[in-house]
Amino acid sequence: MSSDLTSQMQRVVEKASKVANINTSLRNKVRELEDQIVHLQETLGAMQVEHSDFNNQLQQRNLALTVQSGSPTRDTYSEEKIAELIREIDRCMKLLSA
């Protein structure tokens, strides 16, 4: 009986050791993935800033082309931009008054 109990105890200890090793391995993997998330978030932030800068440059270029060419088709861009800005101002005013 004691031999049977000892062997069962040994199996439990071995399984507990395996679980502990797996747990340590998984914790390390979680840390690696969290570090990767932080790095990717930083990269995403930098890319969003760069995208915003490029978008602003494009809008400035389009506006310059509109002014330079005096093209009626390009004037619609300016009108759309003004309308968009007015809508944004309206939204801000609505939020401030709420």
N, C-alpha and C. Protein backbone atom coordinates (compact mmCIF):
# COMPACT_ATOMS: atom_id res chain seq x y z
N MET A 1 0.83 -1.17 0.00
CA MET A 1 0.00 0.00 0.00
C MET A 1 0.88 1.25 0.00
N SER A 2 1.89 1.25 0.84
CA SER A 2 2.78 2.39 0.95
C SER A 2 3.53 2.61 -0.36
N SER A 3 3.89 1.54 -1.05
CA SER A 3 4.57 1.63 -2.33
C SER A 3 3.64 2.27 -3.37
N ASP A 4 2.38 1.87 -3.34
CA ASP A 4 1.38 2.42 -4.26
C ASP A 4 1.19 3.91 -4.00
N LEU A 5 1.13 4.26 -2.73
CA LEU A 5 0.95 5.66 -2.34
C LEU A 5 2.18 6.49 -2.73
N THR A 6 3.34 5.91 -2.58
CA THR A 6 4.58 6.60 -2.95
C THR A 6 4.64 6.83 -4.45
N SER A 7 4.25 5.85 -5.25
CA SER A 7 4.27 6.01 -6.71
C SER A 7 3.24 7.04 -7.16
N GLN A 8 2.09 7.05 -6.52
CA GLN A 8 1.09 8.07 -6.85
C GLN A 8 1.61 9.46 -6.50
N MET A 9 2.24 9.54 -5.36
CA MET A 9 2.80 10.82 -4.94
C MET A 9 3.88 11.29 -5.92
N GLN A 10 4.69 10.36 -6.38
CA GLN A 10 5.74 10.68 -7.34
C GLN A 10 5.13 11.20 -8.65
N ARG A 11 4.06 10.57 -9.13
CA ARG A 11 3.39 11.00 -10.36
C ARG A 11 2.80 12.40 -10.19
N VAL A 12 2.22 12.66 -9.02
CA VAL A 12 1.65 13.98 -8.75
C VAL A 12 2.75 15.04 -8.76
N VAL A 13 3.88 14.72 -8.13
CA VAL A 13 5.00 15.65 -8.09
C VAL A 13 5.53 15.91 -9.50
N GLU A 14 5.65 14.87 -10.32
CA GLU A 14 6.12 15.02 -11.70
C GLU A 14 5.15 15.88 -12.52
N LYS A 15 3.85 15.62 -12.36
CA LYS A 15 2.86 16.41 -13.09
C LYS A 15 2.89 17.87 -12.63
N ALA A 16 3.03 18.10 -11.33
CA ALA A 16 3.11 19.46 -10.81
C ALA A 16 4.34 20.18 -11.36
N SER A 17 5.43 19.45 -11.47
CA SER A 17 6.66 20.02 -12.02
C SER A 17 6.46 20.40 -13.49
N LYS A 18 5.81 19.51 -14.26
CA LYS A 18 5.53 19.81 -15.67
C LYS A 18 4.63 21.03 -15.79
N VAL A 19 3.61 21.11 -14.96
CA VAL A 19 2.70 22.26 -14.98
C VAL A 19 3.46 23.54 -14.65
N ALA A 20 4.34 23.48 -13.67
CA ALA A 20 5.13 24.65 -13.28
C ALA A 20 6.03 25.09 -14.44
N ASN A 21 6.65 24.12 -15.13
CA ASN A 21 7.51 24.45 -16.27
C ASN A 21 6.70 25.07 -17.41
N ILE A 22 5.54 24.51 -17.68
CA ILE A 22 4.67 25.05 -18.73
C ILE A 22 4.22 26.46 -18.35
N ASN A 23 3.88 26.64 -17.09
CA ASN A 23 3.45 27.96 -16.60
C ASN A 23 4.56 29.00 -16.80
N THR A 24 5.79 28.64 -16.44
CA THR A 24 6.93 29.54 -16.61
C THR A 24 7.13 29.88 -18.08
N SER A 25 7.04 28.87 -18.92
CA SER A 25 7.20 29.08 -20.36
C SER A 25 6.12 30.01 -20.91
N LEU A 26 4.88 29.79 -20.47
CA LEU A 26 3.78 30.63 -20.94
C LEU A 26 3.92 32.07 -20.43
N ARG A 27 4.37 32.23 -19.21
CA ARG A 27 4.57 33.58 -18.67
C ARG A 27 5.64 34.33 -19.48
N ASN A 28 6.71 33.61 -19.84
CA ASN A 28 7.75 34.22 -20.66
C ASN A 28 7.21 34.62 -22.03
N LYS A 29 6.40 33.76 -22.61
CA LYS A 29 5.81 34.06 -23.91
C LYS A 29 4.88 35.27 -23.81
N VAL A 30 4.10 35.35 -22.74
CA VAL A 30 3.20 36.50 -22.53
C VAL A 30 4.03 37.78 -22.44
N ARG A 31 5.13 37.75 -21.70
CA ARG A 31 5.99 38.94 -21.58
C ARG A 31 6.53 39.35 -22.95
N GLU A 32 6.96 38.37 -23.74
CA GLU A 32 7.47 38.67 -25.08
C GLU A 32 6.38 39.31 -25.94
N LEU A 33 5.18 38.75 -25.87
CA LEU A 33 4.08 39.29 -26.66
C LEU A 33 3.67 40.69 -26.19
N GLU A 34 3.72 40.93 -24.89
CA GLU A 34 3.42 42.26 -24.38
C GLU A 34 4.46 43.27 -24.85
N ASP A 35 5.72 42.87 -24.85
CA ASP A 35 6.78 43.74 -25.37
C ASP A 35 6.56 44.03 -26.85
N GLN A 36 6.16 43.01 -27.58
CA GLN A 36 5.89 43.18 -29.01
C GLN A 36 4.70 44.13 -29.22
N ILE A 37 3.69 44.02 -28.39
CA ILE A 37 2.53 44.92 -28.48
C ILE A 37 2.97 46.36 -28.27
N VAL A 38 3.80 46.60 -27.26
CA VAL A 38 4.28 47.96 -26.98
C VAL A 38 5.04 48.49 -28.19
N HIS A 39 5.92 47.67 -28.74
CA HIS A 39 6.70 48.09 -29.90
C HIS A 39 5.79 48.40 -31.09
N LEU A 40 4.81 47.54 -31.33
CA LEU A 40 3.90 47.76 -32.45
C LEU A 40 3.03 49.00 -32.24
N GLN A 41 2.64 49.27 -31.00
CA GLN A 41 1.86 50.47 -30.72
C GLN A 41 2.70 51.72 -30.98
N GLU A 42 3.97 51.68 -30.59
CA GLU A 42 4.85 52.81 -30.85
C GLU A 42 5.03 53.02 -32.36
N THR A 43 5.21 51.93 -33.08
CA THR A 43 5.36 52.01 -34.53
C THR A 43 4.09 52.56 -35.17
N LEU A 44 2.94 52.07 -34.71
CA LEU A 44 1.67 52.54 -35.23
C LEU A 44 1.50 54.04 -34.98
N GLY A 45 1.83 54.49 -33.78
CA GLY A 45 1.73 55.92 -33.46
C GLY A 45 2.59 56.75 -34.39
N ALA A 46 3.83 56.31 -34.62
CA ALA A 46 4.73 57.04 -35.51
C ALA A 46 4.18 57.06 -36.93
N MET A 47 3.62 55.94 -37.36
CA MET A 47 3.08 55.87 -38.72
C MET A 47 1.82 56.74 -38.86
N GLN A 48 1.03 56.82 -37.80
CA GLN A 48 -0.16 57.67 -37.84
C GLN A 48 0.24 59.14 -37.95
N VAL A 49 1.28 59.53 -37.21
CA VAL A 49 1.77 60.90 -37.30
C VAL A 49 2.28 61.18 -38.71
N GLU A 50 3.04 60.23 -39.24
CA GLU A 50 3.57 60.39 -40.60
C GLU A 50 2.44 60.46 -41.62
N HIS A 51 1.43 59.63 -41.45
CA HIS A 51 0.27 59.64 -42.35
C HIS A 51 -0.43 60.99 -42.29
N SER A 52 -0.60 61.51 -41.09
CA SER A 52 -1.25 62.80 -40.92
C SER A 52 -0.44 63.91 -41.60
N ASP A 53 0.88 63.85 -41.44
CA ASP A 53 1.74 64.83 -42.09
C ASP A 53 1.62 64.76 -43.61
N PHE A 54 1.65 63.55 -44.14
CA PHE A 54 1.51 63.38 -45.59
C PHE A 54 0.14 63.86 -46.07
N ASN A 55 -0.87 63.59 -45.28
CA ASN A 55 -2.22 64.02 -45.65
C ASN A 55 -2.30 65.55 -45.67
N ASN A 56 -1.70 66.19 -44.67
CA ASN A 56 -1.66 67.65 -44.65
C ASN A 56 -0.89 68.21 -45.84
N GLN A 57 0.23 67.59 -46.16
CA GLN A 57 1.01 68.03 -47.31
C GLN A 57 0.20 67.89 -48.60
N LEU A 58 -0.52 66.79 -48.71
CA LEU A 58 -1.35 66.58 -49.90
C LEU A 58 -2.44 67.63 -49.99
N GLN A 59 -3.08 67.94 -48.88
CA GLN A 59 -4.13 68.96 -48.89
C GLN A 59 -3.55 70.33 -49.26
N GLN A 60 -2.37 70.64 -48.73
CA GLN A 60 -1.73 71.91 -49.07
C GLN A 60 -1.37 71.96 -50.55
N ARG A 61 -0.89 70.85 -51.07
CA ARG A 61 -0.55 70.76 -52.49
C ARG A 61 -1.78 70.96 -53.34
N ASN A 62 -2.87 70.27 -52.96
CA ASN A 62 -4.11 70.40 -53.73
C ASN A 62 -4.63 71.83 -53.69
N LEU A 63 -4.54 72.45 -52.53
CA LEU A 63 -4.98 73.83 -52.40
C LEU A 63 -4.12 74.75 -53.25
N ALA A 64 -2.81 74.53 -53.24
CA ALA A 64 -1.90 75.34 -54.06
C ALA A 64 -2.22 75.16 -55.54
N LEU A 65 -2.51 73.93 -55.94
CA LEU A 65 -2.87 73.69 -57.34
C LEU A 65 -4.16 74.40 -57.70
N THR A 66 -5.09 74.41 -56.77
CA THR A 66 -6.37 75.08 -57.01
C THR A 66 -6.15 76.57 -57.21
N VAL A 67 -5.36 77.16 -56.33
CA VAL A 67 -5.10 78.59 -56.42
C VAL A 67 -4.32 78.89 -57.69
N GLN A 68 -3.35 78.06 -58.01
CA GLN A 68 -2.48 78.29 -59.16
C GLN A 68 -3.25 78.16 -60.47
N SER A 69 -4.06 77.12 -60.58
CA SER A 69 -4.73 76.86 -61.85
C SER A 69 -6.02 77.66 -62.00
N GLY A 70 -6.65 77.99 -60.92
CA GLY A 70 -7.93 78.69 -61.00
C GLY A 70 -8.99 77.82 -61.65
N SER A 71 -8.78 76.53 -61.64
CA SER A 71 -9.69 75.59 -62.30
C SER A 71 -10.99 75.47 -61.53
N PRO A 72 -12.12 75.56 -62.22
CA PRO A 72 -13.40 75.42 -61.52
C PRO A 72 -13.59 74.03 -60.91
N THR A 73 -13.00 73.01 -61.50
CA THR A 73 -13.14 71.68 -60.92
C THR A 73 -12.36 71.59 -59.62
N ARG A 74 -11.27 72.33 -59.52
CA ARG A 74 -10.47 72.34 -58.30
C ARG A 74 -11.13 73.20 -57.23
N ASP A 75 -11.95 74.16 -57.62
CA ASP A 75 -12.64 75.00 -56.63
C ASP A 75 -13.60 74.18 -55.79
N THR A 76 -14.11 73.11 -56.34
CA THR A 76 -15.02 72.26 -55.56
C THR A 76 -14.27 71.65 -54.38
N TYR A 77 -12.99 71.38 -54.57
CA TYR A 77 -12.19 70.86 -53.45
C TYR A 77 -12.18 71.87 -52.32
N SER A 78 -11.91 73.12 -52.63
CA SER A 78 -11.88 74.17 -51.61
C SER A 78 -13.23 74.30 -50.93
N GLU A 79 -14.29 74.27 -51.71
CA GLU A 79 -15.63 74.37 -51.14
C GLU A 79 -15.93 73.19 -50.22
N GLU A 80 -15.53 72.00 -50.65
CA GLU A 80 -15.75 70.82 -49.82
C GLU A 80 -14.94 70.92 -48.52
N LYS A 81 -13.72 71.40 -48.62
CA LYS A 81 -12.87 71.54 -47.43
C LYS A 81 -13.48 72.56 -46.47
N ILE A 82 -13.96 73.68 -47.00
CA ILE A 82 -14.58 74.70 -46.16
C ILE A 82 -15.83 74.13 -45.49
N ALA A 83 -16.64 73.40 -46.26
CA ALA A 83 -17.85 72.80 -45.70
C ALA A 83 -17.50 71.79 -44.60
N GLU A 84 -16.44 71.03 -44.82
CA GLU A 84 -16.00 70.06 -43.82
C GLU A 84 -15.56 70.77 -42.54
N LEU A 85 -14.82 71.84 -42.68
CA LEU A 85 -14.37 72.60 -41.52
C LEU A 85 -15.54 73.22 -40.77
N ILE A 86 -16.53 73.72 -41.50
CA ILE A 86 -17.71 74.29 -40.87
C ILE A 86 -18.46 73.22 -40.08
N ARG A 87 -18.59 72.02 -40.67
CA ARG A 87 -19.26 70.92 -39.95
C ARG A 87 -18.50 70.57 -38.68
N GLU A 88 -17.18 70.56 -38.76
CA GLU A 88 -16.37 70.24 -37.59
C GLU A 88 -16.54 71.32 -36.51
N ILE A 89 -16.59 72.58 -36.91
CA ILE A 89 -16.81 73.68 -35.96
C ILE A 89 -18.18 73.54 -35.32
N ASP A 90 -19.19 73.19 -36.14
CA ASP A 90 -20.53 72.99 -35.61
C ASP A 90 -20.56 71.87 -34.57
N ARG A 91 -19.87 70.77 -34.86
CA ARG A 91 -19.81 69.66 -33.90
C ARG A 91 -19.15 70.10 -32.59
N CYS A 92 -18.07 70.87 -32.71
CA CYS A 92 -17.38 71.34 -31.52
C CYS A 92 -18.28 72.27 -30.70
N MET A 93 -18.99 73.14 -31.38
CA MET A 93 -19.88 74.07 -30.68
C MET A 93 -21.00 73.29 -29.98
N LYS A 94 -21.51 72.26 -30.66
CA LYS A 94 -22.56 71.44 -30.06
C LYS A 94 -22.05 70.74 -28.81
N LEU A 95 -20.81 70.22 -28.87
CA LEU A 95 -20.23 69.55 -27.71
C LEU A 95 -20.00 70.54 -26.57
N LEU A 96 -19.59 71.75 -26.89
CA LEU A 96 -19.35 72.75 -25.86
C LEU A 96 -20.64 73.21 -25.20
N SER A 97 -21.72 73.22 -25.96
CA SER A 97 -22.98 73.69 -25.40
C SER A 97 -23.70 72.60 -24.62
N ALA A 98 -23.28 71.35 -24.78
CA ALA A 98 -23.96 70.24 -24.10
C ALA A 98 -23.62 70.19 -22.63
